[in-house]
Amino acid sequence: MADTHEVYPSAPLALVAVEVRFPEAAAERPLPMPLQRSFRDLLGKDWVIESQRMPHLDVAFGLGGAGSQSVQQVVVPRFTLRDRTLAVAVTDASLTVETTNYCHYGEFRGVLRRVFDAAEQLLAPDGIARVGMRYIDEIRVPDVSEEHPETWRYWLDATLLPPRLDAMVADQYLPAAWDGAVRYATGPQRSLVLRYGARQGYAVQPRGNLSRPSPPAPGPFFVLDFDSFWEPLDIPAFESQELTRTCDELRTPVRTLFDLLITDKLCTEVFMKGRDDG
C-alpha cells in the first residue's frame, strides 16, 4: 500500500494500537504454551514470550437475583520485542498489537500483517466481532504553560480551544478542566472517536507495559486520542489480507482529521524538527 502522507521526524505519537475481537467466547483463556511458542516463532527473531496478568471481573448471581463479584488475575500471553517497544497480546477472545516506536504506517502495517498471518494459521478464529485502531498523540510545544493556556491557539486549530478562551483568560478565568470528545460516522458500522484536551505529565507512561524510546520530560501537553473502529453486524471471516485492508481503511479518517487539526506552525517548528536538532 502506497502512503503519500508526510512522515514527521518528530511526530507526537506516544502509542499506536490495533485490537481485533473475536466472537465472544465462554471465557477468556490463555493459549497453551506450545501454541505460544509457535506463534512467537512465526513473528520472527527478537520476539520473546512475556505473559501479563490482567484483572478479570467474575459475577455470580443467586436465586434472588443478588450477585457477588470477585476480581481475579487472568494470565494473558504477551509477545514483545526485547526493547519492549512493540507487543502482541493474544487470548481466544482477542488479539492486540501495540507499539511506542511507530515510525510510519508502512512499517507498522507489515507487523500487523505478520501478526494476522500467524493468528490465521495457528488460532483460526471463528470470525471478527470488532476491529479498533487507536492513535494517541502527545503534542508538546515550547511556550505553553498552565498560566498561559491561550497560547495553544497558535499551534492547534481553533475548534480544539475552549469557548472564548482569550476573553476568559483576560479576565483571569483559567480553564480548570479542558476535555472534548466527538464521534464521527465514517462508514457502515464504522466510527471515529476523538478525545482531546490539555494535560500535564503523560498520557502514556514512559515505563508502563511498554517502554517509550527517548520519552519527553513531563510537562504541559495536548492530547489527541483517536479511536477508529468497525463493529460489523454480521461475523466476517478472519482473513489476514482483508483484515489488513480494514486497518488501512480505519486509519484514513484518523490521518485526515489529524492533518486538519494541526497548524503549519506546529508542523514546521515542532514536527519537522529533527530529533537531534536540540
Protein backbone atom coordinates (compact mmCIF):
# COMPACT_ATOMS: atom_id res chain seq x y z
CA MET A 1 0.00 0.00 0.00
CA ALA A 2 1.47 3.36 -1.04
CA ASP A 3 1.36 6.05 1.66
CA THR A 4 1.73 9.62 0.43
CA HIS A 5 1.26 11.28 3.82
CA GLU A 6 4.03 13.35 5.38
CA VAL A 7 6.33 11.47 7.75
CA TYR A 8 7.40 13.81 10.54
CA PRO A 9 10.89 13.42 12.09
CA SER A 10 9.45 14.44 15.48
CA ALA A 11 5.94 13.06 15.33
CA PRO A 12 3.96 13.37 18.59
CA LEU A 13 2.78 9.75 18.65
CA ALA A 14 3.04 8.12 22.07
CA LEU A 15 1.13 4.90 21.33
CA VAL A 16 -0.48 3.11 18.40
CA ALA A 17 -2.63 0.05 18.99
CA VAL A 18 -4.84 -2.30 16.99
CA GLU A 19 -7.31 -4.63 18.67
CA VAL A 20 -9.25 -7.42 16.96
CA ARG A 21 -12.03 -9.06 18.95
CA PHE A 22 -13.35 -12.49 18.07
CA PRO A 23 -16.91 -13.74 18.58
CA GLU A 24 -17.48 -13.93 22.32
CA ALA A 25 -16.03 -17.00 23.99
CA ALA A 26 -17.32 -18.60 27.18
CA ALA A 27 -14.20 -17.42 29.00
CA GLU A 28 -11.02 -15.61 28.08
CA ARG A 29 -8.45 -18.38 28.33
CA PRO A 30 -4.69 -18.21 27.77
CA LEU A 31 -3.14 -20.13 24.91
CA PRO A 32 -1.33 -23.41 25.59
CA MET A 33 2.44 -22.95 25.83
CA PRO A 34 3.28 -24.99 22.68
CA LEU A 35 0.92 -22.74 20.72
CA GLN A 36 2.53 -19.66 22.26
CA ARG A 37 5.98 -20.80 21.15
CA SER A 38 4.75 -21.48 17.61
CA PHE A 39 3.13 -18.04 17.48
CA ARG A 40 6.34 -16.39 18.69
CA ASP A 41 8.41 -18.20 16.06
CA LEU A 42 6.10 -17.01 13.27
CA LEU A 43 6.53 -13.39 14.40
CA GLY A 44 10.27 -13.53 13.75
CA LYS A 45 13.53 -13.13 15.63
CA ASP A 46 13.95 -10.93 18.73
CA TRP A 47 10.45 -11.74 19.99
CA VAL A 48 10.06 -13.19 23.49
CA ILE A 49 7.11 -14.56 25.47
CA GLU A 50 6.23 -12.41 28.48
CA SER A 51 2.86 -13.19 30.00
CA GLN A 52 0.87 -10.34 31.54
CA ARG A 53 -1.57 -10.55 34.45
CA MET A 54 -4.84 -8.73 33.82
CA PRO A 55 -7.76 -8.17 36.23
CA HIS A 56 -10.93 -10.10 35.34
CA LEU A 57 -14.31 -9.45 36.99
CA ASP A 58 -16.43 -12.51 37.84
CA VAL A 59 -20.09 -12.02 38.78
CA ALA A 60 -22.15 -14.81 40.38
CA PHE A 61 -25.95 -14.47 40.64
CA GLY A 62 -28.06 -16.13 43.33
CA LEU A 63 -31.67 -17.27 43.17
CA GLY A 64 -32.92 -13.92 44.44
CA GLY A 65 -31.07 -12.02 41.75
CA ALA A 66 -28.41 -10.58 44.07
CA GLY A 67 -24.92 -11.20 42.84
CA SER A 68 -21.42 -11.40 44.26
CA GLN A 69 -18.38 -10.02 42.49
CA SER A 70 -14.76 -11.10 42.63
CA VAL A 71 -11.74 -9.84 40.74
CA GLN A 72 -9.29 -12.47 39.61
CA GLN A 73 -5.98 -12.18 37.82
CA VAL A 74 -6.01 -13.69 34.33
CA VAL A 75 -2.71 -14.51 32.63
CA VAL A 76 -2.67 -13.14 29.08
CA PRO A 77 0.04 -14.40 26.70
CA ARG A 78 2.11 -11.46 25.51
CA PHE A 79 4.85 -11.40 22.91
CA THR A 80 7.28 -8.49 22.99
CA LEU A 81 10.39 -7.28 21.28
CA ARG A 82 13.37 -7.29 23.61
CA ASP A 83 13.38 -3.50 23.88
CA ARG A 84 9.69 -3.57 24.95
CA THR A 85 8.55 -1.07 22.31
CA LEU A 86 6.27 -3.49 20.45
CA ALA A 87 3.95 -6.11 21.92
CA VAL A 88 1.25 -8.56 20.88
CA ALA A 89 -1.29 -9.90 23.39
CA VAL A 90 -3.39 -12.92 22.42
CA THR A 91 -6.25 -14.83 24.01
CA ASP A 92 -9.01 -16.95 22.50
CA ALA A 93 -11.21 -13.81 22.55
CA SER A 94 -8.96 -11.04 21.23
CA LEU A 95 -5.72 -10.02 19.60
CA THR A 96 -3.94 -6.72 20.38
CA VAL A 97 -0.87 -5.13 18.77
CA GLU A 98 0.71 -2.10 20.49
CA THR A 99 3.80 -0.02 19.78
CA THR A 100 5.51 3.02 21.27
CA ASN A 101 8.04 3.19 18.45
CA TYR A 102 5.87 3.99 15.42
CA CYS A 103 7.93 5.34 12.51
CA HIS A 104 5.48 5.18 9.61
CA TYR A 105 2.38 3.24 8.69
CA GLY A 106 4.03 1.07 6.06
CA GLU A 107 6.34 -0.45 8.66
CA PHE A 108 3.54 -0.93 11.22
CA ARG A 109 1.33 -2.43 8.54
CA GLY A 110 3.98 -5.07 7.90
CA VAL A 111 3.90 -6.00 11.59
CA LEU A 112 0.11 -6.23 11.53
CA ARG A 113 0.17 -8.50 8.50
CA ARG A 114 2.69 -10.81 10.17
CA VAL A 115 0.59 -10.98 13.34
CA PHE A 116 -2.63 -11.58 11.40
CA ASP A 117 -0.98 -14.28 9.31
CA ALA A 118 0.21 -16.07 12.46
CA ALA A 119 -3.23 -15.80 14.07
CA GLU A 120 -4.99 -17.11 10.98
CA GLN A 121 -2.59 -20.04 10.69
CA LEU A 122 -2.39 -21.07 14.36
CA LEU A 123 -5.52 -19.77 16.08
CA ALA A 124 -8.07 -19.96 13.24
CA PRO A 125 -10.56 -17.60 14.96
CA ASP A 126 -14.23 -18.15 14.16
CA GLY A 127 -14.53 -14.60 12.85
CA ILE A 128 -14.36 -10.91 13.70
CA ALA A 129 -16.58 -9.08 16.18
CA ARG A 130 -14.75 -5.74 16.27
CA VAL A 131 -11.63 -4.09 14.85
CA GLY A 132 -10.26 -0.96 16.50
CA MET A 133 -7.27 1.23 15.71
CA ARG A 134 -6.05 3.78 18.25
CA TYR A 135 -3.56 6.62 17.89
CA ILE A 136 -2.55 8.66 20.97
CA ASP A 137 -0.63 11.88 20.29
CA GLU A 138 1.07 13.98 22.98
CA ILE A 139 1.69 17.39 21.44
CA ARG A 140 4.32 19.42 23.32
CA VAL A 141 5.42 22.93 22.37
CA PRO A 142 7.91 25.33 23.99
CA ASP A 143 5.76 28.30 25.06
CA VAL A 144 2.65 26.76 26.67
CA SER A 145 2.12 26.72 30.44
CA GLU A 146 -0.74 26.27 32.88
CA GLU A 147 -0.73 30.04 33.41
CA HIS A 148 -0.99 30.77 29.68
CA PRO A 149 -3.20 28.09 28.08
CA GLU A 150 -4.33 30.59 25.45
CA THR A 151 -1.03 30.12 23.61
CA TRP A 152 -2.30 26.78 22.33
CA ARG A 153 -4.23 28.84 19.78
CA TYR A 154 -1.03 29.36 17.76
CA TRP A 155 -0.36 25.64 17.45
CA LEU A 156 -3.77 24.00 17.07
CA ASP A 157 -6.92 24.52 15.06
CA ALA A 158 -9.32 26.90 16.81
CA THR A 159 -12.02 24.21 17.02
CA LEU A 160 -10.00 22.48 19.74
CA LEU A 161 -9.99 25.55 22.02
CA PRO A 162 -12.49 26.20 24.83
CA PRO A 163 -15.23 28.75 24.03
CA ARG A 164 -13.99 32.35 24.26
CA LEU A 165 -10.67 31.25 25.73
CA ASP A 166 -8.82 34.55 25.16
CA ALA A 167 -11.56 36.66 26.74
CA MET A 168 -11.91 34.36 29.75
CA VAL A 169 -8.15 34.27 30.35
CA ALA A 170 -8.03 38.07 30.05
CA ASP A 171 -10.49 38.21 32.96
CA GLN A 172 -8.28 35.77 34.93
CA TYR A 173 -10.63 32.83 34.40
CA LEU A 174 -8.35 29.94 33.55
CA PRO A 175 -9.75 26.60 32.37
CA ALA A 176 -9.55 24.15 35.27
CA ALA A 177 -10.58 21.23 33.05
CA TRP A 178 -10.26 21.08 29.29
CA ASP A 179 -11.79 17.99 27.72
CA GLY A 180 -13.64 17.33 24.50
CA ALA A 181 -14.97 14.35 22.58
CA VAL A 182 -16.69 13.79 19.26
CA ARG A 183 -17.78 10.73 17.33
CA TYR A 184 -17.91 10.71 13.54
CA ALA A 185 -19.69 8.10 11.43
CA THR A 186 -17.06 7.07 8.88
CA GLY A 187 -18.87 4.26 7.08
CA PRO A 188 -21.28 1.36 7.56
CA GLN A 189 -20.81 0.16 11.17
CA ARG A 190 -17.70 2.35 11.38
CA SER A 191 -16.91 5.28 13.64
CA LEU A 192 -14.07 7.59 14.61
CA VAL A 193 -13.98 8.92 18.18
CA LEU A 194 -11.65 11.79 19.04
CA ARG A 195 -10.93 12.71 22.65
CA TYR A 196 -8.80 15.78 23.22
CA GLY A 197 -7.68 18.28 25.80
CA ALA A 198 -4.82 20.00 27.64
CA ARG A 199 -2.97 17.81 30.13
CA GLN A 200 0.03 17.63 32.44
CA GLY A 201 2.58 14.82 32.64
CA TYR A 202 1.91 11.92 30.26
CA ALA A 203 -0.99 10.23 28.51
CA VAL A 204 1.19 7.14 28.04
CA GLN A 205 3.61 6.43 30.88
CA PRO A 206 7.26 6.08 29.78
CA ARG A 207 7.71 2.86 31.75
CA GLY A 208 4.38 1.10 31.57
CA ASN A 209 3.69 -2.25 29.92
CA LEU A 210 5.71 -0.86 27.01
CA SER A 211 8.77 1.37 27.14
CA ARG A 212 8.82 4.68 25.29
CA PRO A 213 12.11 5.37 23.48
CA SER A 214 13.51 8.78 24.44
CA PRO A 215 10.40 9.94 26.34
CA PRO A 216 9.94 13.71 26.69
CA ALA A 217 10.22 15.44 30.04
CA PRO A 218 6.89 15.68 31.90
CA GLY A 219 5.03 18.93 31.50
CA PRO A 220 2.08 20.51 29.70
CA PHE A 221 0.90 18.78 26.53
CA PHE A 222 -2.19 18.48 24.36
CA VAL A 223 -3.59 15.01 23.80
CA LEU A 224 -5.28 13.87 20.60
CA ASP A 225 -6.67 10.38 21.22
CA PHE A 226 -8.14 8.80 18.07
CA ASP A 227 -10.18 5.58 18.17
CA SER A 228 -11.27 4.38 14.74
CA PHE A 229 -13.29 1.17 14.78
CA TRP A 230 -15.57 -1.19 12.90
CA GLU A 231 -18.30 -3.22 14.60
CA PRO A 232 -19.88 -5.38 11.87
CA LEU A 233 -23.46 -6.56 12.24
CA ASP A 234 -22.55 -9.99 10.88
CA ILE A 235 -19.49 -12.11 11.70
CA PRO A 236 -16.93 -11.75 8.89
CA ALA A 237 -14.34 -14.46 8.46
CA PHE A 238 -10.89 -13.87 9.94
CA GLU A 239 -8.77 -13.39 6.81
CA SER A 240 -5.37 -11.77 7.19
CA GLN A 241 -5.40 -9.89 3.89
CA GLU A 242 -8.90 -8.49 4.37
CA LEU A 243 -8.15 -7.57 7.97
CA THR A 244 -5.06 -5.64 6.90
CA ARG A 245 -7.13 -3.80 4.31
CA THR A 246 -9.67 -2.95 7.02
CA CYS A 247 -6.88 -1.38 9.09
CA ASP A 248 -5.89 0.70 6.04
CA GLU A 249 -9.44 1.98 5.82
CA LEU A 250 -9.73 2.68 9.55
CA ARG A 251 -6.51 4.70 9.51
CA THR A 252 -7.60 7.00 6.67
CA PRO A 253 -10.05 9.20 8.66
CA VAL A 254 -7.58 9.36 11.56
CA ARG A 255 -4.88 10.88 9.39
CA THR A 256 -7.38 13.15 7.64
CA LEU A 257 -8.63 14.62 10.92
CA PHE A 258 -5.13 14.89 12.41
CA ASP A 259 -3.93 16.95 9.45
CA LEU A 260 -6.94 19.25 9.80
CA LEU A 261 -6.30 19.90 13.50
CA ILE A 262 -2.65 20.94 13.39
CA THR A 263 -1.27 24.26 12.16
CA ASP A 264 1.57 24.99 9.75
CA LYS A 265 3.47 26.50 12.68
CA LEU A 266 3.23 23.23 14.59
CA CYS A 267 4.40 21.23 11.57
CA THR A 268 7.38 23.38 10.66
CA GLU A 269 8.60 24.37 14.14
CA VAL A 270 7.95 21.14 16.03
CA PHE A 271 7.11 18.08 13.92
CA MET A 272 9.63 18.73 11.13
CA LYS A 273 12.43 19.44 13.58
CA GLY A 274 14.88 16.54 13.75
CA ARG A 275 15.06 14.65 17.00
CA ASP A 276 18.72 15.61 17.36
CA ASP A 277 18.31 19.29 16.50
CA GLY A 278 18.17 20.22 20.17
